[in-house]
Amino acid sequence: MHHLATRSTRMPNTYKSKIYLSFCQLQSKLGGRGRSSIYRDVDLGRLPKPVKLGSRLYWNEAEIDAAIENQAA
């Protein structure tokens, strides 16, 4: 399993560290939701679109957290 920037080291305030989630990490964060449910939420704008890094897709964790907060409100 590949992990990308799961937790970053401290950086100067001029740089905002970003944490990206793989699909498996996103699925776990969303309580084990299915692939089709997650992509449907992306298509409907309820979840942010992933970023392609190399040949893989990753989701910005801060954007996911914000989307979860918006759905809970």
C-alpha atoms as a PDB file:
ATOM      1  CA  MET A   1       0.000   0.000   0.000  1.00  0.00           C
ATOM      2  CA  HIS A   2       1.331   3.434  -0.917  1.00  0.00           C
ATOM      3  CA  HIS A   3       1.017   6.353   1.440  1.00  0.00           C
ATOM      4  CA  LEU A   4       1.723   9.897   0.387  1.00  0.00           C
ATOM      5  CA  ALA A   5       2.389  12.634   2.905  1.00  0.00           C
ATOM      6  CA  THR A   6       0.400  10.983   5.655  1.00  0.00           C
ATOM      7  CA  ARG A   7       1.888  13.354   8.200  1.00  0.00           C
ATOM      8  CA  SER A   8       4.362  16.060   7.321  1.00  0.00           C
ATOM      9  CA  THR A   9       7.213  17.494   9.322  1.00  0.00           C
ATOM     10  CA  ARG A  10       7.064  21.036  10.633  1.00  0.00           C
ATOM     11  CA  MET A  11       7.464  23.652   7.960  1.00  0.00           C
ATOM     12  CA  PRO A  12       7.837  27.422   8.164  1.00  0.00           C
ATOM     13  CA  ASN A  13       4.547  29.318   8.340  1.00  0.00           C
ATOM     14  CA  THR A  14       5.097  30.534   4.779  1.00  0.00           C
ATOM     15  CA  TYR A  15       4.398  26.983   3.602  1.00  0.00           C
ATOM     16  CA  LYS A  16       1.129  25.240   4.315  1.00  0.00           C
ATOM     17  CA  SER A  17       1.662  21.546   4.697  1.00  0.00           C
ATOM     18  CA  LYS A  18      -0.973  19.470   2.958  1.00  0.00           C
ATOM     19  CA  ILE A  19      -1.935  15.965   3.881  1.00  0.00           C
ATOM     20  CA  TYR A  20      -3.283  13.803   1.085  1.00  0.00           C
ATOM     21  CA  LEU A  21      -5.361  10.687   1.558  1.00  0.00           C
ATOM     22  CA  SER A  22      -5.298   7.648  -0.685  1.00  0.00           C
ATOM     23  CA  PHE A  23      -8.646   6.146  -1.649  1.00  0.00           C
ATOM     24  CA  CYS A  24      -8.326   3.491   1.081  1.00  0.00           C
ATOM     25  CA  GLN A  25      -7.565   6.156   3.693  1.00  0.00           C
ATOM     26  CA  LEU A  26     -10.500   8.264   2.471  1.00  0.00           C
ATOM     27  CA  GLN A  27     -12.790   5.247   2.577  1.00  0.00           C
ATOM     28  CA  SER A  28     -11.718   4.534   6.157  1.00  0.00           C
ATOM     29  CA  LYS A  29     -12.218   8.175   7.178  1.00  0.00           C
ATOM     30  CA  LEU A  30     -15.742   8.036   5.747  1.00  0.00           C
ATOM     31  CA  GLY A  31     -16.672   4.964   7.778  1.00  0.00           C
ATOM     32  CA  GLY A  32     -16.060   2.328   5.134  1.00  0.00           C
ATOM     33  CA  ARG A  33     -18.300   3.839   2.439  1.00  0.00           C
ATOM     34  CA  GLY A  34     -18.309   2.095  -0.908  1.00  0.00           C
ATOM     35  CA  ARG A  35     -16.376   3.224  -3.958  1.00  0.00           C
ATOM     36  CA  SER A  36     -19.490   4.084  -5.980  1.00  0.00           C
ATOM     37  CA  SER A  37     -20.968   6.090  -3.075  1.00  0.00           C
ATOM     38  CA  ILE A  38     -17.785   8.119  -2.702  1.00  0.00           C
ATOM     39  CA  TYR A  39     -17.513   8.873  -6.421  1.00  0.00           C
ATOM     40  CA  ARG A  40     -21.225   9.759  -6.547  1.00  0.00           C
ATOM     41  CA  ASP A  41     -20.625  12.292  -3.740  1.00  0.00           C
ATOM     42  CA  VAL A  42     -17.677  13.697  -5.715  1.00  0.00           C
ATOM     43  CA  ASP A  43     -19.860  14.005  -8.844  1.00  0.00           C
ATOM     44  CA  LEU A  44     -22.605  15.727  -6.828  1.00  0.00           C
ATOM     45  CA  GLY A  45     -20.124  18.150  -5.241  1.00  0.00           C
ATOM     46  CA  ARG A  46     -20.564  16.796  -1.717  1.00  0.00           C
ATOM     47  CA  LEU A  47     -16.902  15.735  -1.644  1.00  0.00           C
ATOM     48  CA  PRO A  48     -13.988  17.528  -3.305  1.00  0.00           C
ATOM     49  CA  LYS A  49     -12.452  16.170  -6.483  1.00  0.00           C
ATOM     50  CA  PRO A  50      -9.240  14.202  -6.066  1.00  0.00           C
ATOM     51  CA  VAL A  51      -5.826  15.348  -7.244  1.00  0.00           C
ATOM     52  CA  LYS A  52      -3.882  13.079  -9.569  1.00  0.00           C
ATOM     53  CA  LEU A  53      -0.300  12.583  -8.435  1.00  0.00           C
ATOM     54  CA  GLY A  54       1.503  10.270 -10.792  1.00  0.00           C
ATOM     55  CA  SER A  55      -0.914   7.527 -11.692  1.00  0.00           C
ATOM     56  CA  ARG A  56      -2.858   7.671  -8.408  1.00  0.00           C
ATOM     57  CA  LEU A  57      -5.646   9.826  -7.012  1.00  0.00           C
ATOM     58  CA  TYR A  58      -5.413  11.549  -3.639  1.00  0.00           C
ATOM     59  CA  TRP A  59      -7.772  13.749  -1.651  1.00  0.00           C
ATOM     60  CA  ASN A  60      -6.724  16.779   0.378  1.00  0.00           C
ATOM     61  CA  GLU A  61      -7.557  15.906   3.972  1.00  0.00           C
ATOM     62  CA  ALA A  62      -8.412  19.492   4.958  1.00  0.00           C
ATOM     63  CA  GLU A  63     -10.925  19.691   2.084  1.00  0.00           C
ATOM     64  CA  ILE A  64     -12.453  16.367   3.128  1.00  0.00           C
ATOM     65  CA  ASP A  65     -12.741  17.553   6.741  1.00  0.00           C
ATOM     66  CA  ALA A  66     -14.444  20.754   5.552  1.00  0.00           C
ATOM     67  CA  ALA A  67     -16.880  18.765   3.398  1.00  0.00           C
ATOM     68  CA  ILE A  68     -17.742  16.533   6.354  1.00  0.00           C
ATOM     69  CA  GLU A  69     -18.332  19.606   8.530  1.00  0.00           C
ATOM     70  CA  ASN A  70     -20.581  21.154   5.859  1.00  0.00           C
ATOM     71  CA  GLN A  71     -22.653  17.973   5.616  1.00  0.00           C
ATOM     72  CA  ALA A  72     -23.020  17.830   9.415  1.00  0.00           C
ATOM     73  CA  ALA A  73     -24.237  21.433   9.636  1.00  0.00           C
END
